[in-house]
Structures are given as structure tokens and as C-alpha cells.
Amino acid sequence: MIRRLFYMALGAYIALWVSRRLQALKPDHVARRVAGRASYAAAEARVFATEVRRLAAGREHELRALYGLDSVREIHHDVKDGR
């Protein structure tokens, strides 16, 4: 009796788990997850690119000042491309 109850409970658990996995594979669920991850990756890439441009502009300013090049300018952080 206990053995049958155990296997019935195990079967119900497996059926529930499989149904949830299959639900996650529906196209609208997959599309929603992919869109969320893509927007997060794009936002992170924008932050990274902004930081790289800011650091590159700062380093360029330091090198131009160090070597006495004629076009030493102040760093403007609001300039889009960092030049």
C-alpha cells in the first residue's frame, strides 16, 4: 500500500514537473525571455561603451598634456563620442 502511494506521488510530481517544463517552451514564453535578456545585454553594452569612451578620452588628454601636443582640450563628459 505504501509502495503504491509512493509511486503515485512520484508520478504526480514528475507529471507536474514535465508540464511546467513544456509550458516554458511555448513560443510566447521563449520570446519574452529572449527579449528580456536581449534588452538587458543591450543596456549593459551601452554602459560599457560609455565607460570605455570616457576612459579613453581621459587617457588621451593625459597623454597629450604629457607630450605637449598642441590640441590639449578639457574633457567634456557630456560629449557623445568622447572626443
PDB file of N, CA and C in Angstrom:
ATOM      1  N   MET A   1       0.807  -1.190   0.000  1.00  0.00           N
ATOM      2  CA  MET A   1       0.000   0.000   0.000  1.00  0.00           C
ATOM      3  C   MET A   1       0.865   1.276   0.000  1.00  0.00           C
ATOM      4  N   ILE A   2       1.852   1.279   0.883  1.00  0.00           N
ATOM      5  CA  ILE A   2       2.744   2.436   0.971  1.00  0.00           C
ATOM      6  C   ILE A   2       3.539   2.580  -0.322  1.00  0.00           C
ATOM      7  N   ARG A   3       3.949   1.463  -0.875  1.00  0.00           N
ATOM      8  CA  ARG A   3       4.717   1.478  -2.106  1.00  0.00           C
ATOM      9  C   ARG A   3       3.893   2.099  -3.237  1.00  0.00           C
ATOM     10  N   ARG A   4       2.640   1.734  -3.361  1.00  0.00           N
ATOM     11  CA  ARG A   4       1.780   2.290  -4.393  1.00  0.00           C
ATOM     12  C   ARG A   4       1.568   3.789  -4.187  1.00  0.00           C
ATOM     13  N   LEU A   5       1.389   4.191  -2.948  1.00  0.00           N
ATOM     14  CA  LEU A   5       1.205   5.614  -2.632  1.00  0.00           C
ATOM     15  C   LEU A   5       2.469   6.402  -3.005  1.00  0.00           C
ATOM     16  N   PHE A   6       3.633   5.822  -2.711  1.00  0.00           N
ATOM     17  CA  PHE A   6       4.894   6.476  -3.058  1.00  0.00           C
ATOM     18  C   PHE A   6       5.017   6.664  -4.566  1.00  0.00           C
ATOM     19  N   TYR A   7       4.760   5.604  -5.327  1.00  0.00           N
ATOM     20  CA  TYR A   7       4.881   5.700  -6.778  1.00  0.00           C
ATOM     21  C   TYR A   7       3.824   6.623  -7.387  1.00  0.00           C
ATOM     22  N   MET A   8       2.644   6.668  -6.780  1.00  0.00           N
ATOM     23  CA  MET A   8       1.616   7.585  -7.267  1.00  0.00           C
ATOM     24  C   MET A   8       2.052   9.042  -7.027  1.00  0.00           C
ATOM     25  N   ALA A   9       2.605   9.302  -5.855  1.00  0.00           N
ATOM     26  CA  ALA A   9       3.091  10.653  -5.556  1.00  0.00           C
ATOM     27  C   ALA A   9       4.269  11.015  -6.453  1.00  0.00           C
ATOM     28  N   LEU A  10       5.164  10.067  -6.692  1.00  0.00           N
ATOM     29  CA  LEU A  10       6.300  10.312  -7.575  1.00  0.00           C
ATOM     30  C   LEU A  10       5.831  10.598  -8.999  1.00  0.00           C
ATOM     31  N   GLY A  11       4.864   9.851  -9.475  1.00  0.00           N
ATOM     32  CA  GLY A  11       4.310  10.073 -10.801  1.00  0.00           C
ATOM     33  C   GLY A  11       3.641  11.432 -10.921  1.00  0.00           C
ATOM     34  N   ALA A  12       2.902  11.841  -9.891  1.00  0.00           N
ATOM     35  CA  ALA A  12       2.253  13.160  -9.897  1.00  0.00           C
ATOM     36  C   ALA A  12       3.304  14.262  -9.924  1.00  0.00           C
ATOM     37  N   TYR A  13       4.372  14.111  -9.155  1.00  0.00           N
ATOM     38  CA  TYR A  13       5.446  15.105  -9.140  1.00  0.00           C
ATOM     39  C   TYR A  13       6.115  15.201 -10.510  1.00  0.00           C
ATOM     40  N   ILE A  14       6.425  14.071 -11.109  1.00  0.00           N
ATOM     41  CA  ILE A  14       7.072  14.070 -12.421  1.00  0.00           C
ATOM     42  C   ILE A  14       6.151  14.675 -13.471  1.00  0.00           C
ATOM     43  N   ALA A  15       4.873  14.357 -13.405  1.00  0.00           N
ATOM     44  CA  ALA A  15       3.919  14.925 -14.361  1.00  0.00           C
ATOM     45  C   ALA A  15       3.840  16.436 -14.217  1.00  0.00           C
ATOM     46  N   LEU A  16       3.828  16.938 -13.008  1.00  0.00           N
ATOM     47  CA  LEU A  16       3.795  18.380 -12.768  1.00  0.00           C
ATOM     48  C   LEU A  16       5.072  19.039 -13.278  1.00  0.00           C
ATOM     49  N   TRP A  17       6.212  18.424 -13.006  1.00  0.00           N
ATOM     50  CA  TRP A  17       7.488  18.975 -13.446  1.00  0.00           C
ATOM     51  C   TRP A  17       7.562  19.035 -14.973  1.00  0.00           C
ATOM     52  N   VAL A  18       7.149  17.961 -15.637  1.00  0.00           N
ATOM     53  CA  VAL A  18       7.184  17.913 -17.093  1.00  0.00           C
ATOM     54  C   VAL A  18       6.232  18.935 -17.687  1.00  0.00           C
ATOM     55  N   SER A  19       5.045  19.078 -17.097  1.00  0.00           N
ATOM     56  CA  SER A  19       4.092  20.061 -17.633  1.00  0.00           C
ATOM     57  C   SER A  19       4.627  21.480 -17.498  1.00  0.00           C
ATOM     58  N   ARG A  20       5.313  21.781 -16.420  1.00  0.00           N
ATOM     59  CA  ARG A  20       5.908  23.112 -16.268  1.00  0.00           C
ATOM     60  C   ARG A  20       7.041  23.332 -17.253  1.00  0.00           C
ATOM     61  N   ARG A  21       7.840  22.312 -17.499  1.00  0.00           N
ATOM     62  CA  ARG A  21       8.918  22.431 -18.485  1.00  0.00           C
ATOM     63  C   ARG A  21       8.345  22.643 -19.884  1.00  0.00           C
ATOM     64  N   LEU A  22       7.297  21.938 -20.213  1.00  0.00           N
ATOM     65  CA  LEU A  22       6.678  22.112 -21.517  1.00  0.00           C
ATOM     66  C   LEU A  22       6.017  23.477 -21.648  1.00  0.00           C
ATOM     67  N   GLN A  23       5.465  23.982 -20.561  1.00  0.00           N
ATOM     68  CA  GLN A  23       4.861  25.326 -20.558  1.00  0.00           C
ATOM     69  C   GLN A  23       5.939  26.383 -20.847  1.00  0.00           C
ATOM     70  N   ALA A  24       7.131  26.168 -20.319  1.00  0.00           N
ATOM     71  CA  ALA A  24       8.227  27.127 -20.522  1.00  0.00           C
ATOM     72  C   ALA A  24       8.733  27.129 -21.956  1.00  0.00           C
ATOM     73  N   LEU A  25       8.409  26.094 -22.728  1.00  0.00           N
ATOM     74  CA  LEU A  25       8.880  26.014 -24.106  1.00  0.00           C
ATOM     75  C   LEU A  25       7.901  26.598 -25.112  1.00  0.00           C
ATOM     76  N   LYS A  26       6.787  27.124 -24.639  1.00  0.00           N
ATOM     77  CA  LYS A  26       5.831  27.746 -25.561  1.00  0.00           C
ATOM     78  C   LYS A  26       6.478  28.975 -26.192  1.00  0.00           C
ATOM     79  N   PRO A  27       6.169  29.251 -27.451  1.00  0.00           N
ATOM     80  CA  PRO A  27       6.835  30.353 -28.164  1.00  0.00           C
ATOM     81  C   PRO A  27       6.706  31.713 -27.482  1.00  0.00           C
ATOM     82  N   ASP A  28       5.547  32.031 -26.912  1.00  0.00           N
ATOM     83  CA  ASP A  28       5.418  33.349 -26.276  1.00  0.00           C
ATOM     84  C   ASP A  28       6.279  33.459 -25.020  1.00  0.00           C
ATOM     85  N   HIS A  29       6.451  32.363 -24.293  1.00  0.00           N
ATOM     86  CA  HIS A  29       7.319  32.396 -23.116  1.00  0.00           C
ATOM     87  C   HIS A  29       8.788  32.524 -23.525  1.00  0.00           C
ATOM     88  N   VAL A  30       9.164  31.782 -24.548  1.00  0.00           N
ATOM     89  CA  VAL A  30      10.546  31.845 -25.026  1.00  0.00           C
ATOM     90  C   VAL A  30      10.849  33.244 -25.570  1.00  0.00           C
ATOM     91  N   ALA A  31       9.926  33.797 -26.329  1.00  0.00           N
ATOM     92  CA  ALA A  31      10.133  35.137 -26.897  1.00  0.00           C
ATOM     93  C   ALA A  31      10.259  36.185 -25.796  1.00  0.00           C
ATOM     94  N   ARG A  32       9.440  36.071 -24.777  1.00  0.00           N
ATOM     95  CA  ARG A  32       9.503  37.032 -23.673  1.00  0.00           C
ATOM     96  C   ARG A  32      10.848  36.954 -22.949  1.00  0.00           C
ATOM     97  N   ARG A  33      11.330  35.735 -22.720  1.00  0.00           N
ATOM     98  CA  ARG A  33      12.625  35.586 -22.043  1.00  0.00           C
ATOM     99  C   ARG A  33      13.768  36.111 -22.901  1.00  0.00           C
ATOM    100  N   VAL A  34      13.744  35.804 -24.182  1.00  0.00           N
ATOM    101  CA  VAL A  34      14.805  36.261 -25.085  1.00  0.00           C
ATOM    102  C   VAL A  34      14.797  37.779 -25.191  1.00  0.00           C
ATOM    103  N   ALA A  35      13.624  38.369 -25.294  1.00  0.00           N
ATOM    104  CA  ALA A  35      13.537  39.830 -25.387  1.00  0.00           C
ATOM    105  C   ALA A  35      14.057  40.489 -24.114  1.00  0.00           C
ATOM    106  N   GLY A  36      13.732  39.930 -22.984  1.00  0.00           N
ATOM    107  CA  GLY A  36      14.227  40.479 -21.720  1.00  0.00           C
ATOM    108  C   GLY A  36      15.730  40.404 -21.612  1.00  0.00           C
ATOM    109  N   ARG A  37      16.283  39.266 -21.993  1.00  0.00           N
ATOM    110  CA  ARG A  37      17.737  39.105 -21.928  1.00  0.00           C
ATOM    111  C   ARG A  37      18.450  39.987 -22.947  1.00  0.00           C
ATOM    112  N   ALA A  38      17.849  40.147 -24.129  1.00  0.00           N
ATOM    113  CA  ALA A  38      18.463  40.990 -25.151  1.00  0.00           C
ATOM    114  C   ALA A  38      18.468  42.451 -24.733  1.00  0.00           C
ATOM    115  N   SER A  39      17.375  42.915 -24.138  1.00  0.00           N
ATOM    116  CA  SER A  39      17.339  44.312 -23.700  1.00  0.00           C
ATOM    117  C   SER A  39      18.329  44.548 -22.564  1.00  0.00           C
ATOM    118  N   TYR A  40      18.479  43.570 -21.677  1.00  0.00           N
ATOM    119  CA  TYR A  40      19.462  43.696 -20.600  1.00  0.00           C
ATOM    120  C   TYR A  40      20.882  43.737 -21.171  1.00  0.00           C
ATOM    121  N   ALA A  41      21.171  42.873 -22.142  1.00  0.00           N
ATOM    122  CA  ALA A  41      22.507  42.853 -22.744  1.00  0.00           C
ATOM    123  C   ALA A  41      22.799  44.150 -23.487  1.00  0.00           C
ATOM    124  N   ALA A  42      21.793  44.700 -24.171  1.00  0.00           N
ATOM    125  CA  ALA A  42      21.993  45.965 -24.884  1.00  0.00           C
ATOM    126  C   ALA A  42      22.264  47.102 -23.905  1.00  0.00           C
ATOM    127  N   ALA A  43      21.554  47.120 -22.801  1.00  0.00           N
ATOM    128  CA  ALA A  43      21.778  48.165 -21.796  1.00  0.00           C
ATOM    129  C   ALA A  43      23.180  48.046 -21.203  1.00  0.00           C
ATOM    130  N   GLU A  44      23.608  46.838 -20.924  1.00  0.00           N
ATOM    131  CA  GLU A  44      24.952  46.639 -20.385  1.00  0.00           C
ATOM    132  C   GLU A  44      26.020  47.037 -21.406  1.00  0.00           C
ATOM    133  N   ALA A  45      25.785  46.755 -22.677  1.00  0.00           N
ATOM    134  CA  ALA A  45      26.737  47.140 -23.723  1.00  0.00           C
ATOM    135  C   ALA A  45      26.829  48.654 -23.839  1.00  0.00           C
ATOM    136  N   ARG A  46      25.694  49.354 -23.715  1.00  0.00           N
ATOM    137  CA  ARG A  46      25.722  50.819 -23.760  1.00  0.00           C
ATOM    138  C   ARG A  46      26.507  51.389 -22.589  1.00  0.00           C
ATOM    139  N   VAL A  47      26.316  50.844 -21.400  1.00  0.00           N
ATOM    140  CA  VAL A  47      27.053  51.312 -20.226  1.00  0.00           C
ATOM    141  C   VAL A  47      28.548  51.068 -20.416  1.00  0.00           C
ATOM    142  N   PHE A  48      28.890  49.885 -20.926  1.00  0.00           N
ATOM    143  CA  PHE A  48      30.297  49.556 -21.163  1.00  0.00           C
ATOM    144  C   PHE A  48      30.924  50.498 -22.184  1.00  0.00           C
ATOM    145  N   ALA A  49      30.231  50.737 -23.284  1.00  0.00           N
ATOM    146  CA  ALA A  49      30.768  51.608 -24.333  1.00  0.00           C
ATOM    147  C   ALA A  49      30.946  53.036 -23.823  1.00  0.00           C
ATOM    148  N   THR A  50      30.009  53.518 -23.045  1.00  0.00           N
ATOM    149  CA  THR A  50      30.118  54.862 -22.477  1.00  0.00           C
ATOM    150  C   THR A  50      31.324  54.961 -21.557  1.00  0.00           C
ATOM    151  N   GLU A  51      31.522  53.959 -20.741  1.00  0.00           N
ATOM    152  CA  GLU A  51      32.659  53.958 -19.821  1.00  0.00           C
ATOM    153  C   GLU A  51      33.980  53.890 -20.585  1.00  0.00           C
ATOM    154  N   VAL A  52      34.035  53.080 -21.628  1.00  0.00           N
ATOM    155  CA  VAL A  52      35.261  52.975 -22.430  1.00  0.00           C
ATOM    156  C   VAL A  52      35.575  54.308 -23.098  1.00  0.00           C
ATOM    157  N   ARG A  53      34.558  54.958 -23.676  1.00  0.00           N
ATOM    158  CA  ARG A  53      34.793  56.258 -24.315  1.00  0.00           C
ATOM    159  C   ARG A  53      35.263  57.293 -23.310  1.00  0.00           C
ATOM    160  N   ARG A  54      34.679  57.287 -22.118  1.00  0.00           N
ATOM    161  CA  ARG A  54      35.080  58.255 -21.094  1.00  0.00           C
ATOM    162  C   ARG A  54      36.528  58.025 -20.666  1.00  0.00           C
ATOM    163  N   LEU A  55      36.888  56.781 -20.427  1.00  0.00           N
ATOM    164  CA  LEU A  55      38.259  56.477 -20.015  1.00  0.00           C
ATOM    165  C   LEU A  55      39.264  56.754 -21.130  1.00  0.00           C
ATOM    166  N   ALA A  56      38.891  56.441 -22.375  1.00  0.00           N
ATOM    167  CA  ALA A  56      39.798  56.707 -23.497  1.00  0.00           C
ATOM    168  C   ALA A  56      40.027  58.203 -23.676  1.00  0.00           C
ATOM    169  N   ALA A  57      38.986  59.001 -23.520  1.00  0.00           N
ATOM    170  CA  ALA A  57      39.140  60.453 -23.649  1.00  0.00           C
ATOM    171  C   ALA A  57      40.021  61.001 -22.539  1.00  0.00           C
ATOM    172  N   GLY A  58      39.855  60.493 -21.339  1.00  0.00           N
ATOM    173  CA  GLY A  58      40.701  60.930 -20.225  1.00  0.00           C
ATOM    174  C   GLY A  58      42.160  60.571 -20.446  1.00  0.00           C
ATOM    175  N   ARG A  59      42.394  59.361 -20.923  1.00  0.00           N
ATOM    176  CA  ARG A  59      43.772  58.931 -21.169  1.00  0.00           C
ATOM    177  C   ARG A  59      44.395  59.721 -22.317  1.00  0.00           C
ATOM    178  N   GLU A  60      43.617  60.008 -23.339  1.00  0.00           N
ATOM    179  CA  GLU A  60      44.122  60.805 -24.452  1.00  0.00           C
ATOM    180  C   GLU A  60      44.513  62.196 -23.962  1.00  0.00           C
ATOM    181  N   HIS A  61      43.696  62.776 -23.108  1.00  0.00           N
ATOM    182  CA  HIS A  61      44.004  64.094 -22.559  1.00  0.00           C
ATOM    183  C   HIS A  61      45.307  64.047 -21.758  1.00  0.00           C
ATOM    184  N   GLU A  62      45.476  63.012 -20.949  1.00  0.00           N
ATOM    185  CA  GLU A  62      46.703  62.876 -20.164  1.00  0.00           C
ATOM    186  C   GLU A  62      47.927  62.755 -21.067  1.00  0.00           C
ATOM    187  N   LEU A  63      47.835  61.936 -22.100  1.00  0.00           N
ATOM    188  CA  LEU A  63      48.980  61.749 -22.989  1.00  0.00           C
ATOM    189  C   LEU A  63      49.308  63.016 -23.770  1.00  0.00           C
ATOM    190  N   ARG A  64      48.284  63.716 -24.230  1.00  0.00           N
ATOM    191  CA  ARG A  64      48.539  64.968 -24.966  1.00  0.00           C
ATOM    192  C   ARG A  64      49.184  66.004 -24.052  1.00  0.00           C
ATOM    193  N   ALA A  65      48.745  66.082 -22.813  1.00  0.00           N
ATOM    194  CA  ALA A  65      49.352  67.015 -21.866  1.00  0.00           C
ATOM    195  C   ALA A  65      50.784  66.593 -21.539  1.00  0.00           C
ATOM    196  N   LEU A  66      51.025  65.300 -21.400  1.00  0.00           N
ATOM    197  CA  LEU A  66      52.346  64.786 -21.063  1.00  0.00           C
ATOM    198  C   LEU A  66      53.358  65.064 -22.168  1.00  0.00           C
ATOM    199  N   TYR A  67      52.967  64.872 -23.404  1.00  0.00           N
ATOM    200  CA  TYR A  67      53.894  65.054 -24.524  1.00  0.00           C
ATOM    201  C   TYR A  67      53.808  66.441 -25.146  1.00  0.00           C
ATOM    202  N   GLY A  68      53.005  67.313 -24.570  1.00  0.00           N
ATOM    203  CA  GLY A  68      52.954  68.690 -25.032  1.00  0.00           C
ATOM    204  C   GLY A  68      52.369  68.861 -26.408  1.00  0.00           C
ATOM    205  N   LEU A  69      51.431  68.061 -26.776  1.00  0.00           N
ATOM    206  CA  LEU A  69      50.792  68.215 -28.085  1.00  0.00           C
ATOM    207  C   LEU A  69      49.903  69.446 -28.072  1.00  0.00           C
ATOM    208  N   ASP A  70      49.721  70.045 -29.215  1.00  0.00           N
ATOM    209  CA  ASP A  70      49.061  71.338 -29.302  1.00  0.00           C
ATOM    210  C   ASP A  70      47.553  71.304 -29.062  1.00  0.00           C
ATOM    211  N   SER A  71      46.909  70.207 -29.216  1.00  0.00           N
ATOM    212  CA  SER A  71      45.447  70.205 -29.120  1.00  0.00           C
ATOM    213  C   SER A  71      44.951  69.611 -27.806  1.00  0.00           C
ATOM    214  N   VAL A  72      45.526  70.090 -26.702  1.00  0.00           N
ATOM    215  CA  VAL A  72      45.054  69.639 -25.392  1.00  0.00           C
ATOM    216  C   VAL A  72      43.762  70.381 -25.092  1.00  0.00           C
ATOM    217  N   ARG A  73      42.706  69.616 -24.870  1.00  0.00           N
ATOM    218  CA  ARG A  73      41.400  70.207 -24.572  1.00  0.00           C
ATOM    219  C   ARG A  73      40.922  69.686 -23.234  1.00  0.00           C
ATOM    220  N   GLU A  74      39.987  70.391 -22.678  1.00  0.00           N
ATOM    221  CA  GLU A  74      39.363  69.922 -21.446  1.00  0.00           C
ATOM    222  C   GLU A  74      38.478  68.734 -21.772  1.00  0.00           C
ATOM    223  N   ILE A  75      38.320  67.864 -20.807  1.00  0.00           N
ATOM    224  CA  ILE A  75      37.475  66.687 -21.005  1.00  0.00           C
ATOM    225  C   ILE A  75      36.026  67.100 -20.785  1.00  0.00           C
ATOM    226  N   HIS A  76      35.197  66.823 -21.758  1.00  0.00           N
ATOM    227  CA  HIS A  76      33.766  67.085 -21.643  1.00  0.00           C
ATOM    228  C   HIS A  76      33.064  65.739 -21.569  1.00  0.00           C
ATOM    229  N   HIS A  77      32.493  65.435 -20.418  1.00  0.00           N
ATOM    230  CA  HIS A  77      31.865  64.134 -20.226  1.00  0.00           C
ATOM    231  C   HIS A  77      30.514  64.057 -20.941  1.00  0.00           C
ATOM    232  N   ASP A  78      29.955  65.163 -21.325  1.00  0.00           N
ATOM    233  CA  ASP A  78      28.651  65.132 -21.976  1.00  0.00           C
ATOM    234  C   ASP A  78      28.747  64.956 -23.485  1.00  0.00           C
ATOM    235  N   VAL A  79      29.964  64.951 -24.041  1.00  0.00           N
ATOM    236  CA  VAL A  79      30.137  64.743 -25.472  1.00  0.00           C
ATOM    237  C   VAL A  79      29.881  63.291 -25.778  1.00  0.00           C
ATOM    238  N   LYS A  80      29.096  63.021 -26.805  1.00  0.00           N
ATOM    239  CA  LYS A  80      28.639  61.660 -27.061  1.00  0.00           C
ATOM    240  C   LYS A  80      29.757  60.686 -27.415  1.00  0.00           C
ATOM    241  N   ASP A  81      30.662  61.065 -28.314  1.00  0.00           N
ATOM    242  CA  ASP A  81      31.673  60.109 -28.734  1.00  0.00           C
ATOM    243  C   ASP A  81      32.989  60.251 -27.971  1.00  0.00           C
ATOM    244  N   GLY A  82      33.079  61.109 -26.997  1.00  0.00           N
ATOM    245  CA  GLY A  82      34.256  61.206 -26.146  1.00  0.00           C
ATOM    246  C   GLY A  82      35.422  61.948 -26.744  1.00  0.00           C
ATOM    247  N   ARG A  83      35.248  62.621 -27.856  1.00  0.00           N
ATOM    248  CA  ARG A  83      36.349  63.366 -28.464  1.00  0.00           C
ATOM    249  C   ARG A  83      36.275  64.817 -28.105  1.00  0.00           C
TER     250      ARG A  83
END
